[in-house]
Amino acid sequence: PTNCSKSCATWTTKSVAKCTKTVIYVASGQEDKNSILRNSCGSSTYEMFVSALGWEVELESHNGFLGGLPRQGCGQTAPYYATPFLEVIYHVSTRMPSDTPESILNKTRHLGNDEVH
């Protein structure tokens, strides 16, 4: 019993890995950054892919890891996935506003901070 308690205490104090991943939609024929960042939706295949990444969470009320996304101003929702050992938030370019030059700049800042694979 003592060893079990000690193991459980060690297990619960381990840190959870947190990471951000970026998903960008590039339509056929798009080659420049500005046209790519203006995309507000993707193909049905792209949308199915994004919906399979995790649970859709409301940024304003989500209590988990946000990966630097503000609760307001970068879209309303984002895919999120978690296990007891991992939290992942997806920065999806098509979910972020792109209707003004300022929103494109804001989108670039968030997406540009993420590692490209």
PDB file of N, CA and C in Angstrom:
ATOM      1  N   PRO A   1       0.813  -1.204   0.000  1.00  0.00           N
ATOM      2  CA  PRO A   1       0.000   0.000   0.000  1.00  0.00           C
ATOM      3  C   PRO A   1       0.855   1.267   0.000  1.00  0.00           C
ATOM      4  N   THR A   2       1.940   1.276   0.763  1.00  0.00           N
ATOM      5  CA  THR A   2       2.783   2.464   0.816  1.00  0.00           C
ATOM      6  C   THR A   2       3.425   2.732  -0.541  1.00  0.00           C
ATOM      7  N   ASN A   3       3.928   1.691  -1.187  1.00  0.00           N
ATOM      8  CA  ASN A   3       4.544   1.864  -2.503  1.00  0.00           C
ATOM      9  C   ASN A   3       3.543   2.380  -3.522  1.00  0.00           C
ATOM     10  N   CYS A   4       2.311   1.892  -3.449  1.00  0.00           N
ATOM     11  CA  CYS A   4       1.278   2.342  -4.383  1.00  0.00           C
ATOM     12  C   CYS A   4       1.010   3.827  -4.198  1.00  0.00           C
ATOM     13  N   SER A   5       0.891   4.267  -2.974  1.00  0.00           N
ATOM     14  CA  SER A   5       0.645   5.684  -2.693  1.00  0.00           C
ATOM     15  C   SER A   5       1.780   6.538  -3.230  1.00  0.00           C
ATOM     16  N   LYS A   6       2.994   6.071  -3.034  1.00  0.00           N
ATOM     17  CA  LYS A   6       4.164   6.804  -3.502  1.00  0.00           C
ATOM     18  C   LYS A   6       4.175   6.881  -5.032  1.00  0.00           C
ATOM     19  N   SER A   7       3.865   5.773  -5.696  1.00  0.00           N
ATOM     20  CA  SER A   7       3.824   5.743  -7.163  1.00  0.00           C
ATOM     21  C   SER A   7       2.758   6.680  -7.690  1.00  0.00           C
ATOM     22  N   CYS A   8       1.593   6.649  -7.079  1.00  0.00           N
ATOM     23  CA  CYS A   8       0.493   7.504  -7.528  1.00  0.00           C
ATOM     24  C   CYS A   8       0.841   8.972  -7.340  1.00  0.00           C
ATOM     25  N   ALA A   9       1.482   9.295  -6.232  1.00  0.00           N
ATOM     26  CA  ALA A   9       1.875  10.679  -5.984  1.00  0.00           C
ATOM     27  C   ALA A   9       2.884  11.135  -7.026  1.00  0.00           C
ATOM     28  N   THR A  10       3.834  10.278  -7.364  1.00  0.00           N
ATOM     29  CA  THR A  10       4.826  10.612  -8.379  1.00  0.00           C
ATOM     30  C   THR A  10       4.158  10.794  -9.733  1.00  0.00           C
ATOM     31  N   TRP A  11       3.233   9.910 -10.057  1.00  0.00           N
ATOM     32  CA  TRP A  11       2.554   9.969 -11.349  1.00  0.00           C
ATOM     33  C   TRP A  11       1.747  11.252 -11.487  1.00  0.00           C
ATOM     34  N   THR A  12       1.054  11.674 -10.433  1.00  0.00           N
ATOM     35  CA  THR A  12       0.204  12.857 -10.533  1.00  0.00           C
ATOM     36  C   THR A  12       1.004  14.144 -10.566  1.00  0.00           C
ATOM     37  N   THR A  13       2.238  14.130 -10.090  1.00  0.00           N
ATOM     38  CA  THR A  13       3.023  15.357 -10.096  1.00  0.00           C
ATOM     39  C   THR A  13       3.847  15.519 -11.371  1.00  0.00           C
ATOM     40  N   LYS A  14       3.870  14.525 -12.221  1.00  0.00           N
ATOM     41  CA  LYS A  14       4.604  14.656 -13.486  1.00  0.00           C
ATOM     42  C   LYS A  14       3.928  15.729 -14.335  1.00  0.00           C
ATOM     43  N   SER A  15       4.733  16.480 -15.052  1.00  0.00           N
ATOM     44  CA  SER A  15       4.162  17.546 -15.862  1.00  0.00           C
ATOM     45  C   SER A  15       3.547  16.992 -17.144  1.00  0.00           C
ATOM     46  N   VAL A  16       2.555  17.705 -17.598  1.00  0.00           N
ATOM     47  CA  VAL A  16       1.870  17.354 -18.835  1.00  0.00           C
ATOM     48  C   VAL A  16       2.583  18.068 -19.979  1.00  0.00           C
ATOM     49  N   ALA A  17       2.925  17.346 -21.037  1.00  0.00           N
ATOM     50  CA  ALA A  17       3.546  17.961 -22.216  1.00  0.00           C
ATOM     51  C   ALA A  17       2.493  18.798 -22.929  1.00  0.00           C
ATOM     52  N   LYS A  18       2.877  19.997 -23.328  1.00  0.00           N
ATOM     53  CA  LYS A  18       1.954  20.901 -24.018  1.00  0.00           C
ATOM     54  C   LYS A  18       2.582  21.308 -25.340  1.00  0.00           C
ATOM     55  N   CYS A  19       1.789  21.261 -26.401  1.00  0.00           N
ATOM     56  CA  CYS A  19       2.332  21.687 -27.691  1.00  0.00           C
ATOM     57  C   CYS A  19       1.256  22.318 -28.561  1.00  0.00           C
ATOM     58  N   THR A  20       1.742  23.132 -29.465  1.00  0.00           N
ATOM     59  CA  THR A  20       0.894  23.801 -30.435  1.00  0.00           C
ATOM     60  C   THR A  20       1.267  23.300 -31.810  1.00  0.00           C
ATOM     61  N   LYS A  21       0.283  23.098 -32.625  1.00  0.00           N
ATOM     62  CA  LYS A  21       0.509  22.691 -34.010  1.00  0.00           C
ATOM     63  C   LYS A  21      -0.284  23.628 -34.909  1.00  0.00           C
ATOM     64  N   THR A  22       0.294  23.947 -36.044  1.00  0.00           N
ATOM     65  CA  THR A  22      -0.356  24.835 -37.002  1.00  0.00           C
ATOM     66  C   THR A  22      -0.906  24.039 -38.167  1.00  0.00           C
ATOM     67  N   VAL A  23      -2.104  24.421 -38.594  1.00  0.00           N
ATOM     68  CA  VAL A  23      -2.724  23.818 -39.771  1.00  0.00           C
ATOM     69  C   VAL A  23      -3.068  24.963 -40.717  1.00  0.00           C
ATOM     70  N   ILE A  24      -2.513  24.911 -41.923  1.00  0.00           N
ATOM     71  CA  ILE A  24      -2.738  25.965 -42.918  1.00  0.00           C
ATOM     72  C   ILE A  24      -3.313  25.340 -44.175  1.00  0.00           C
ATOM     73  N   TYR A  25      -4.368  25.955 -44.690  1.00  0.00           N
ATOM     74  CA  TYR A  25      -4.977  25.478 -45.931  1.00  0.00           C
ATOM     75  C   TYR A  25      -4.395  26.252 -47.107  1.00  0.00           C
ATOM     76  N   VAL A  26      -3.890  25.530 -48.093  1.00  0.00           N
ATOM     77  CA  VAL A  26      -3.378  26.124 -49.330  1.00  0.00           C
ATOM     78  C   VAL A  26      -4.219  25.558 -50.462  1.00  0.00           C
ATOM     79  N   ALA A  27      -5.004  26.431 -51.091  1.00  0.00           N
ATOM     80  CA  ALA A  27      -5.865  25.999 -52.192  1.00  0.00           C
ATOM     81  C   ALA A  27      -5.034  25.791 -53.454  1.00  0.00           C
ATOM     82  N   SER A  28      -5.575  25.045 -54.356  1.00  0.00           N
ATOM     83  CA  SER A  28      -4.919  24.783 -55.629  1.00  0.00           C
ATOM     84  C   SER A  28      -4.581  26.104 -56.320  1.00  0.00           C
ATOM     85  N   GLY A  29      -3.339  26.253 -56.737  1.00  0.00           N
ATOM     86  CA  GLY A  29      -2.904  27.453 -57.446  1.00  0.00           C
ATOM     87  C   GLY A  29      -2.426  28.579 -56.545  1.00  0.00           C
ATOM     88  N   GLN A  30      -2.622  28.474 -55.246  1.00  0.00           N
ATOM     89  CA  GLN A  30      -2.163  29.535 -54.347  1.00  0.00           C
ATOM     90  C   GLN A  30      -0.672  29.376 -54.094  1.00  0.00           C
ATOM     91  N   GLU A  31       0.052  30.483 -54.279  1.00  0.00           N
ATOM     92  CA  GLU A  31       1.495  30.427 -54.087  1.00  0.00           C
ATOM     93  C   GLU A  31       2.035  31.524 -53.187  1.00  0.00           C
ATOM     94  N   ASP A  32       1.254  32.586 -52.967  1.00  0.00           N
ATOM     95  CA  ASP A  32       1.786  33.667 -52.141  1.00  0.00           C
ATOM     96  C   ASP A  32       1.122  33.685 -50.763  1.00  0.00           C
ATOM     97  N   LYS A  33       1.889  34.148 -49.802  1.00  0.00           N
ATOM     98  CA  LYS A  33       1.483  34.138 -48.397  1.00  0.00           C
ATOM     99  C   LYS A  33       0.160  34.864 -48.166  1.00  0.00           C
ATOM    100  N   ASN A  34      -0.013  36.023 -48.775  1.00  0.00           N
ATOM    101  CA  ASN A  34      -1.221  36.810 -48.520  1.00  0.00           C
ATOM    102  C   ASN A  34      -2.491  36.104 -48.968  1.00  0.00           C
ATOM    103  N   SER A  35      -2.476  35.494 -50.140  1.00  0.00           N
ATOM    104  CA  SER A  35      -3.692  34.800 -50.588  1.00  0.00           C
ATOM    105  C   SER A  35      -3.960  33.568 -49.727  1.00  0.00           C
ATOM    106  N   ILE A  36      -2.916  32.895 -49.300  1.00  0.00           N
ATOM    107  CA  ILE A  36      -3.075  31.716 -48.435  1.00  0.00           C
ATOM    108  C   ILE A  36      -3.652  32.122 -47.086  1.00  0.00           C
ATOM    109  N   LEU A  37      -3.155  33.208 -46.512  1.00  0.00           N
ATOM    110  CA  LEU A  37      -3.637  33.648 -45.202  1.00  0.00           C
ATOM    111  C   LEU A  37      -5.045  34.234 -45.254  1.00  0.00           C
ATOM    112  N   ARG A  38      -5.511  34.627 -46.428  1.00  0.00           N
ATOM    113  CA  ARG A  38      -6.880  35.141 -46.565  1.00  0.00           C
ATOM    114  C   ARG A  38      -7.928  34.035 -46.596  1.00  0.00           C
ATOM    115  N   ASN A  39      -7.517  32.785 -46.741  1.00  0.00           N
ATOM    116  CA  ASN A  39      -8.487  31.683 -46.775  1.00  0.00           C
ATOM    117  C   ASN A  39      -9.280  31.646 -45.470  1.00  0.00           C
ATOM    118  N   SER A  40     -10.605  31.669 -45.594  1.00  0.00           N
ATOM    119  CA  SER A  40     -11.458  31.602 -44.403  1.00  0.00           C
ATOM    120  C   SER A  40     -12.115  30.230 -44.261  1.00  0.00           C
ATOM    121  N   CYS A  41     -11.912  29.381 -45.241  1.00  0.00           N
ATOM    122  CA  CYS A  41     -12.393  27.997 -45.163  1.00  0.00           C
ATOM    123  C   CYS A  41     -11.552  27.172 -46.133  1.00  0.00           C
ATOM    124  N   GLY A  42     -11.695  25.870 -46.028  1.00  0.00           N
ATOM    125  CA  GLY A  42     -10.945  24.977 -46.896  1.00  0.00           C
ATOM    126  C   GLY A  42     -11.871  24.018 -47.611  1.00  0.00           C
ATOM    127  N   SER A  43     -11.296  23.076 -48.293  1.00  0.00           N
ATOM    128  CA  SER A  43     -12.082  22.056 -48.991  1.00  0.00           C
ATOM    129  C   SER A  43     -12.790  21.177 -47.959  1.00  0.00           C
ATOM    130  N   SER A  44     -13.746  20.390 -48.411  1.00  0.00           N
ATOM    131  CA  SER A  44     -14.452  19.499 -47.480  1.00  0.00           C
ATOM    132  C   SER A  44     -13.491  18.470 -46.875  1.00  0.00           C
ATOM    133  N   THR A  45     -12.514  18.026 -47.652  1.00  0.00           N
ATOM    134  CA  THR A  45     -11.516  17.079 -47.137  1.00  0.00           C
ATOM    135  C   THR A  45     -10.678  17.727 -46.035  1.00  0.00           C
ATOM    136  N   TYR A  46     -10.263  18.962 -46.260  1.00  0.00           N
ATOM    137  CA  TYR A  46      -9.505  19.715 -45.256  1.00  0.00           C
ATOM    138  C   TYR A  46     -10.334  19.879 -43.984  1.00  0.00           C
ATOM    139  N   GLU A  47     -11.588  20.272 -44.136  1.00  0.00           N
ATOM    140  CA  GLU A  47     -12.453  20.483 -42.968  1.00  0.00           C
ATOM    141  C   GLU A  47     -12.654  19.185 -42.190  1.00  0.00           C
ATOM    142  N   MET A  48     -12.782  18.061 -42.889  1.00  0.00           N
ATOM    143  CA  MET A  48     -12.906  16.765 -42.208  1.00  0.00           C
ATOM    144  C   MET A  48     -11.619  16.439 -41.446  1.00  0.00           C
ATOM    145  N   PHE A  49     -10.480  16.728 -42.057  1.00  0.00           N
ATOM    146  CA  PHE A  49      -9.193  16.510 -41.400  1.00  0.00           C
ATOM    147  C   PHE A  49      -9.101  17.332 -40.112  1.00  0.00           C
ATOM    148  N   VAL A  50      -9.422  18.613 -40.206  1.00  0.00           N
ATOM    149  CA  VAL A  50      -9.348  19.491 -39.035  1.00  0.00           C
ATOM    150  C   VAL A  50     -10.303  19.016 -37.942  1.00  0.00           C
ATOM    151  N   SER A  51     -11.501  18.612 -38.319  1.00  0.00           N
ATOM    152  CA  SER A  51     -12.471  18.171 -37.307  1.00  0.00           C
ATOM    153  C   SER A  51     -12.039  16.874 -36.618  1.00  0.00           C
ATOM    154  N   ALA A  52     -11.165  16.103 -37.249  1.00  0.00           N
ATOM    155  CA  ALA A  52     -10.697  14.848 -36.656  1.00  0.00           C
ATOM    156  C   ALA A  52      -9.490  15.038 -35.728  1.00  0.00           C
ATOM    157  N   LEU A  53      -8.943  16.249 -35.668  1.00  0.00           N
ATOM    158  CA  LEU A  53      -7.749  16.488 -34.858  1.00  0.00           C
ATOM    159  C   LEU A  53      -8.028  16.454 -33.358  1.00  0.00           C
ATOM    160  N   GLY A  54      -9.210  16.862 -32.966  1.00  0.00           N
ATOM    161  CA  GLY A  54      -9.529  16.919 -31.544  1.00  0.00           C
ATOM    162  C   GLY A  54     -10.921  17.456 -31.334  1.00  0.00           C
ATOM    163  N   TRP A  55     -11.188  17.857 -30.111  1.00  0.00           N
ATOM    164  CA  TRP A  55     -12.488  18.424 -29.767  1.00  0.00           C
ATOM    165  C   TRP A  55     -12.473  19.906 -30.088  1.00  0.00           C
ATOM    166  N   GLU A  56     -13.568  20.412 -30.592  1.00  0.00           N
ATOM    167  CA  GLU A  56     -13.692  21.835 -30.882  1.00  0.00           C
ATOM    168  C   GLU A  56     -13.985  22.551 -29.564  1.00  0.00           C
ATOM    169  N   VAL A  57     -13.089  23.439 -29.146  1.00  0.00           N
ATOM    170  CA  VAL A  57     -13.289  24.153 -27.888  1.00  0.00           C
ATOM    171  C   VAL A  57     -13.510  25.637 -28.153  1.00  0.00           C
ATOM    172  N   GLU A  58     -14.341  26.242 -27.328  1.00  0.00           N
ATOM    173  CA  GLU A  58     -14.573  27.687 -27.376  1.00  0.00           C
ATOM    174  C   GLU A  58     -13.380  28.360 -26.701  1.00  0.00           C
ATOM    175  N   LEU A  59     -12.678  29.218 -27.439  1.00  0.00           N
ATOM    176  CA  LEU A  59     -11.486  29.854 -26.882  1.00  0.00           C
ATOM    177  C   LEU A  59     -11.820  30.711 -25.665  1.00  0.00           C
ATOM    178  N   GLU A  60     -12.960  31.366 -25.704  1.00  0.00           N
ATOM    179  CA  GLU A  60     -13.336  32.276 -24.625  1.00  0.00           C
ATOM    180  C   GLU A  60     -13.517  31.559 -23.282  1.00  0.00           C
ATOM    181  N   SER A  61     -13.990  30.328 -23.306  1.00  0.00           N
ATOM    182  CA  SER A  61     -14.289  29.635 -22.046  1.00  0.00           C
ATOM    183  C   SER A  61     -13.390  28.428 -21.758  1.00  0.00           C
ATOM    184  N   HIS A  62     -12.514  28.081 -22.677  1.00  0.00           N
ATOM    185  CA  HIS A  62     -11.662  26.894 -22.502  1.00  0.00           C
ATOM    186  C   HIS A  62     -10.676  27.093 -21.353  1.00  0.00           C
ATOM    187  N   ASN A  63     -10.621  26.134 -20.438  1.00  0.00           N
ATOM    188  CA  ASN A  63      -9.714  26.220 -19.288  1.00  0.00           C
ATOM    189  C   ASN A  63      -8.394  25.502 -19.511  1.00  0.00           C
ATOM    190  N   GLY A  64      -8.259  24.783 -20.604  1.00  0.00           N
ATOM    191  CA  GLY A  64      -7.031  24.056 -20.891  1.00  0.00           C
ATOM    192  C   GLY A  64      -6.002  24.933 -21.591  1.00  0.00           C
ATOM    193  N   PHE A  65      -4.993  24.294 -22.104  1.00  0.00           N
ATOM    194  CA  PHE A  65      -3.881  24.940 -22.798  1.00  0.00           C
ATOM    195  C   PHE A  65      -4.373  25.638 -24.065  1.00  0.00           C
ATOM    196  N   LEU A  66      -3.960  26.894 -24.267  1.00  0.00           N
ATOM    197  CA  LEU A  66      -4.338  27.653 -25.460  1.00  0.00           C
ATOM    198  C   LEU A  66      -3.152  27.930 -26.383  1.00  0.00           C
ATOM    199  N   GLY A  67      -1.960  27.634 -25.965  1.00  0.00           N
ATOM    200  CA  GLY A  67      -0.796  27.812 -26.824  1.00  0.00           C
ATOM    201  C   GLY A  67      -0.568  29.229 -27.292  1.00  0.00           C
ATOM    202  N   GLY A  68      -0.898  30.204 -26.458  1.00  0.00           N
ATOM    203  CA  GLY A  68      -0.685  31.598 -26.818  1.00  0.00           C
ATOM    204  C   GLY A  68      -1.850  32.260 -27.519  1.00  0.00           C
ATOM    205  N   LEU A  69      -2.881  31.500 -27.875  1.00  0.00           N
ATOM    206  CA  LEU A  69      -4.049  32.117 -28.508  1.00  0.00           C
ATOM    207  C   LEU A  69      -4.806  32.944 -27.471  1.00  0.00           C
ATOM    208  N   PRO A  70      -5.168  34.172 -27.824  1.00  0.00           N
ATOM    209  CA  PRO A  70      -5.975  34.959 -26.891  1.00  0.00           C
ATOM    210  C   PRO A  70      -7.409  34.424 -26.863  1.00  0.00           C
ATOM    211  N   ARG A  71      -8.105  34.698 -25.810  1.00  0.00           N
ATOM    212  CA  ARG A  71      -9.490  34.225 -25.692  1.00  0.00           C
ATOM    213  C   ARG A  71     -10.411  34.930 -26.683  1.00  0.00           C
ATOM    214  N   GLN A  72     -10.020  36.115 -27.118  1.00  0.00           N
ATOM    215  CA  GLN A  72     -10.815  36.859 -28.098  1.00  0.00           C
ATOM    216  C   GLN A  72      -9.889  37.435 -29.163  1.00  0.00           C
ATOM    217  N   GLY A  73     -10.382  37.504 -30.398  1.00  0.00           N
ATOM    218  CA  GLY A  73      -9.631  38.141 -31.467  1.00  0.00           C
ATOM    219  C   GLY A  73      -8.922  37.207 -32.428  1.00  0.00           C
ATOM    220  N   CYS A  74      -8.864  35.924 -32.119  1.00  0.00           N
ATOM    221  CA  CYS A  74      -8.203  34.958 -33.011  1.00  0.00           C
ATOM    222  C   CYS A  74      -9.160  33.854 -33.409  1.00  0.00           C
ATOM    223  N   GLY A  75     -10.411  34.197 -33.544  1.00  0.00           N
ATOM    224  CA  GLY A  75     -11.420  33.200 -33.865  1.00  0.00           C
ATOM    225  C   GLY A  75     -12.164  32.784 -32.615  1.00  0.00           C
ATOM    226  N   GLN A  76     -13.188  31.977 -32.812  1.00  0.00           N
ATOM    227  CA  GLN A  76     -14.023  31.575 -31.687  1.00  0.00           C
ATOM    228  C   GLN A  76     -13.675  30.197 -31.153  1.00  0.00           C
ATOM    229  N   THR A  77     -13.189  29.317 -32.027  1.00  0.00           N
ATOM    230  CA  THR A  77     -12.929  27.939 -31.617  1.00  0.00           C
ATOM    231  C   THR A  77     -11.589  27.449 -32.160  1.00  0.00           C
ATOM    232  N   ALA A  78     -11.126  26.354 -31.589  1.00  0.00           N
ATOM    233  CA  ALA A  78      -9.910  25.687 -32.073  1.00  0.00           C
ATOM    234  C   ALA A  78      -9.994  24.215 -31.694  1.00  0.00           C
ATOM    235  N   PRO A  79      -9.423  23.336 -32.515  1.00  0.00           N
ATOM    236  CA  PRO A  79      -9.358  21.927 -32.130  1.00  0.00           C
ATOM    237  C   PRO A  79      -8.364  21.746 -30.974  1.00  0.00           C
ATOM    238  N   TYR A  80      -8.737  20.902 -30.037  1.00  0.00           N
ATOM    239  CA  TYR A  80      -7.935  20.652 -28.838  1.00  0.00           C
ATOM    240  C   TYR A  80      -7.964  19.159 -28.556  1.00  0.00           C
ATOM    241  N   TYR A  81      -6.817  18.615 -28.173  1.00  0.00           N
ATOM    242  CA  TYR A  81      -6.730  17.192 -27.845  1.00  0.00           C
ATOM    243  C   TYR A  81      -5.947  17.061 -26.545  1.00  0.00           C
ATOM    244  N   ALA A  82      -6.379  16.162 -25.673  1.00  0.00           N
ATOM    245  CA  ALA A  82      -5.674  15.982 -24.405  1.00  0.00           C
ATOM    246  C   ALA A  82      -5.753  14.542 -23.927  1.00  0.00           C
ATOM    247  N   THR A  83      -4.699  14.136 -23.247  1.00  0.00           N
ATOM    248  CA  THR A  83      -4.646  12.877 -22.507  1.00  0.00           C
ATOM    249  C   THR A  83      -4.104  13.258 -21.127  1.00  0.00           C
ATOM    250  N   PRO A  84      -3.967  12.308 -20.214  1.00  0.00           N
ATOM    251  CA  PRO A  84      -3.366  12.652 -18.922  1.00  0.00           C
ATOM    252  C   PRO A  84      -1.914  13.145 -19.040  1.00  0.00           C
ATOM    253  N   PHE A  85      -1.284  12.921 -20.176  1.00  0.00           N
ATOM    254  CA  PHE A  85       0.130  13.260 -20.340  1.00  0.00           C
ATOM    255  C   PHE A  85       0.398  14.343 -21.381  1.00  0.00           C
ATOM    256  N   LEU A  86      -0.614  14.769 -22.112  1.00  0.00           N
ATOM    257  CA  LEU A  86      -0.405  15.639 -23.266  1.00  0.00           C
ATOM    258  C   LEU A  86      -1.589  16.570 -23.485  1.00  0.00           C
ATOM    259  N   GLU A  87      -1.292  17.824 -23.845  1.00  0.00           N
ATOM    260  CA  GLU A  87      -2.312  18.768 -24.296  1.00  0.00           C
ATOM    261  C   GLU A  87      -1.832  19.363 -25.617  1.00  0.00           C
ATOM    262  N   VAL A  88      -2.691  19.346 -26.626  1.00  0.00           N
ATOM    263  CA  VAL A  88      -2.358  19.913 -27.935  1.00  0.00           C
ATOM    264  C   VAL A  88      -3.465  20.869 -28.338  1.00  0.00           C
ATOM    265  N   ILE A  89      -3.080  22.067 -28.742  1.00  0.00           N
ATOM    266  CA  ILE A  89      -4.032  23.020 -29.317  1.00  0.00           C
ATOM    267  C   ILE A  89      -3.575  23.266 -30.747  1.00  0.00           C
ATOM    268  N   TYR A  90      -4.516  23.285 -31.658  1.00  0.00           N
ATOM    269  CA  TYR A  90      -4.204  23.476 -33.078  1.00  0.00           C
ATOM    270  C   TYR A  90      -4.542  24.904 -33.483  1.00  0.00           C
ATOM    271  N   HIS A  91      -3.559  25.604 -34.019  1.00  0.00           N
ATOM    272  CA  HIS A  91      -3.768  26.936 -34.568  1.00  0.00           C
ATOM    273  C   HIS A  91      -4.150  26.734 -36.034  1.00  0.00           C
ATOM    274  N   VAL A  92      -5.419  26.847 -36.326  1.00  0.00           N
ATOM    275  CA  VAL A  92      -5.942  26.572 -37.665  1.00  0.00           C
ATOM    276  C   VAL A  92      -6.139  27.901 -38.385  1.00  0.00           C
ATOM    277  N   SER A  93      -5.405  28.089 -39.467  1.00  0.00           N
ATOM    278  CA  SER A  93      -5.418  29.374 -40.169  1.00  0.00           C
ATOM    279  C   SER A  93      -6.812  29.783 -40.636  1.00  0.00           C
ATOM    280  N   THR A  94      -7.609  28.841 -41.071  1.00  0.00           N
ATOM    281  CA  THR A  94      -8.938  29.181 -41.587  1.00  0.00           C
ATOM    282  C   THR A  94      -9.933  29.523 -40.482  1.00  0.00           C
ATOM    283  N   ARG A  95      -9.607  29.265 -39.240  1.00  0.00           N
ATOM    284  CA  ARG A  95     -10.492  29.608 -38.117  1.00  0.00           C
ATOM    285  C   ARG A  95     -10.203  31.003 -37.579  1.00  0.00           C
ATOM    286  N   MET A  96      -9.108  31.591 -38.028  1.00  0.00           N
ATOM    287  CA  MET A  96      -8.716  32.914 -37.544  1.00  0.00           C
ATOM    288  C   MET A  96      -9.219  33.977 -38.512  1.00  0.00           C
ATOM    289  N   PRO A  97      -9.636  35.138 -37.986  1.00  0.00           N
ATOM    290  CA  PRO A  97     -10.129  36.207 -38.859  1.00  0.00           C
ATOM    291  C   PRO A  97      -9.085  36.630 -39.890  1.00  0.00           C
ATOM    292  N   SER A  98      -9.565  37.007 -41.071  1.00  0.00           N
ATOM    293  CA  SER A  98      -8.650  37.443 -42.132  1.00  0.00           C
ATOM    294  C   SER A  98      -9.283  38.528 -42.988  1.00  0.00           C
ATOM    295  N   ASP A  99     -10.178  39.308 -42.394  1.00  0.00           N
ATOM    296  CA  ASP A  99     -10.928  40.294 -43.168  1.00  0.00           C
ATOM    297  C   ASP A  99     -10.292  41.683 -43.209  1.00  0.00           C
ATOM    298  N   THR A 100      -9.262  41.934 -42.417  1.00  0.00           N
ATOM    299  CA  THR A 100      -8.585  43.229 -42.434  1.00  0.00           C
ATOM    300  C   THR A 100      -7.069  43.004 -42.449  1.00  0.00           C
ATOM    301  N   PRO A 101      -6.311  44.025 -42.871  1.00  0.00           N
ATOM    302  CA  PRO A 101      -4.844  43.891 -42.820  1.00  0.00           C
ATOM    303  C   PRO A 101      -4.346  43.598 -41.393  1.00  0.00           C
ATOM    304  N   GLU A 102      -4.998  44.185 -40.394  1.00  0.00           N
ATOM    305  CA  GLU A 102      -4.604  43.948 -38.998  1.00  0.00           C
ATOM    306  C   GLU A 102      -4.841  42.489 -38.592  1.00  0.00           C
ATOM    307  N   SER A 103      -5.961  41.919 -39.035  1.00  0.00           N
ATOM    308  CA  SER A 103      -6.242  40.521 -38.680  1.00  0.00           C
ATOM    309  C   SER A 103      -5.275  39.565 -39.387  1.00  0.00           C
ATOM    310  N   ILE A 104      -4.864  39.907 -40.612  1.00  0.00           N
ATOM    311  CA  ILE A 104      -3.867  39.092 -41.325  1.00  0.00           C
ATOM    312  C   ILE A 104      -2.532  39.147 -40.571  1.00  0.00           C
ATOM    313  N   LEU A 105      -2.156  40.339 -40.111  1.00  0.00           N
ATOM    314  CA  LEU A 105      -0.916  40.494 -39.349  1.00  0.00           C
ATOM    315  C   LEU A 105      -0.986  39.689 -38.050  1.00  0.00           C
ATOM    316  N   ASN A 106      -2.112  39.759 -37.361  1.00  0.00           N
ATOM    317  CA  ASN A 106      -2.313  39.006 -36.125  1.00  0.00           C
ATOM    318  C   ASN A 106      -2.230  37.501 -36.388  1.00  0.00           C
ATOM    319  N   LYS A 107      -2.846  37.068 -37.474  1.00  0.00           N
ATOM    320  CA  LYS A 107      -2.805  35.651 -37.856  1.00  0.00           C
ATOM    321  C   LYS A 107      -1.367  35.219 -38.130  1.00  0.00           C
ATOM    322  N   THR A 108      -0.617  36.051 -38.847  1.00  0.00           N
ATOM    323  CA  THR A 108       0.779  35.758 -39.166  1.00  0.00           C
ATOM    324  C   THR A 108       1.612  35.617 -37.896  1.00  0.00           C
ATOM    325  N   ARG A 109       1.350  36.467 -36.922  1.00  0.00           N
ATOM    326  CA  ARG A 109       2.099  36.406 -35.658  1.00  0.00           C
ATOM    327  C   ARG A 109       1.874  35.080 -34.950  1.00  0.00           C
ATOM    328  N   HIS A 110       0.627  34.637 -34.888  1.00  0.00           N
ATOM    329  CA  HIS A 110       0.339  33.382 -34.190  1.00  0.00           C
ATOM    330  C   HIS A 110       0.847  32.170 -34.964  1.00  0.00           C
ATOM    331  N   LEU A 111       0.606  32.148 -36.252  1.00  0.00           N
ATOM    332  CA  LEU A 111       1.034  30.997 -37.049  1.00  0.00           C
ATOM    333  C   LEU A 111       2.545  30.974 -37.215  1.00  0.00           C
ATOM    334  N   GLY A 112       3.155  32.138 -37.298  1.00  0.00           N
ATOM    335  CA  GLY A 112       4.597  32.239 -37.492  1.00  0.00           C
ATOM    336  C   GLY A 112       5.410  31.829 -36.281  1.00  0.00           C
ATOM    337  N   ASN A 113       4.780  31.832 -35.103  1.00  0.00           N
ATOM    338  CA  ASN A 113       5.481  31.417 -33.885  1.00  0.00           C
ATOM    339  C   ASN A 113       5.547  29.911 -33.743  1.00  0.00           C
ATOM    340  N   ASP A 114       4.762  29.199 -34.532  1.00  0.00           N
ATOM    341  CA  ASP A 114       4.714  27.745 -34.430  1.00  0.00           C
ATOM    342  C   ASP A 114       5.790  27.125 -35.312  1.00  0.00           C
ATOM    343  N   GLU A 115       6.269  25.986 -34.902  1.00  0.00           N
ATOM    344  CA  GLU A 115       7.309  25.266 -35.640  1.00  0.00           C
ATOM    345  C   GLU A 115       6.724  24.634 -36.896  1.00  0.00           C
ATOM    346  N   VAL A 116       7.450  24.737 -37.997  1.00  0.00           N
ATOM    347  CA  VAL A 116       6.998  24.160 -39.263  1.00  0.00           C
ATOM    348  C   VAL A 116       7.600  22.770 -39.423  1.00  0.00           C
ATOM    349  N   HIS A 117       6.755  21.797 -39.770  1.00  0.00           N
ATOM    350  CA  HIS A 117       7.215  20.410 -39.975  1.00  0.00           C
ATOM    351  C   HIS A 117       7.053  20.029 -41.425  1.00  0.00           C
TER     352      HIS A 117
END
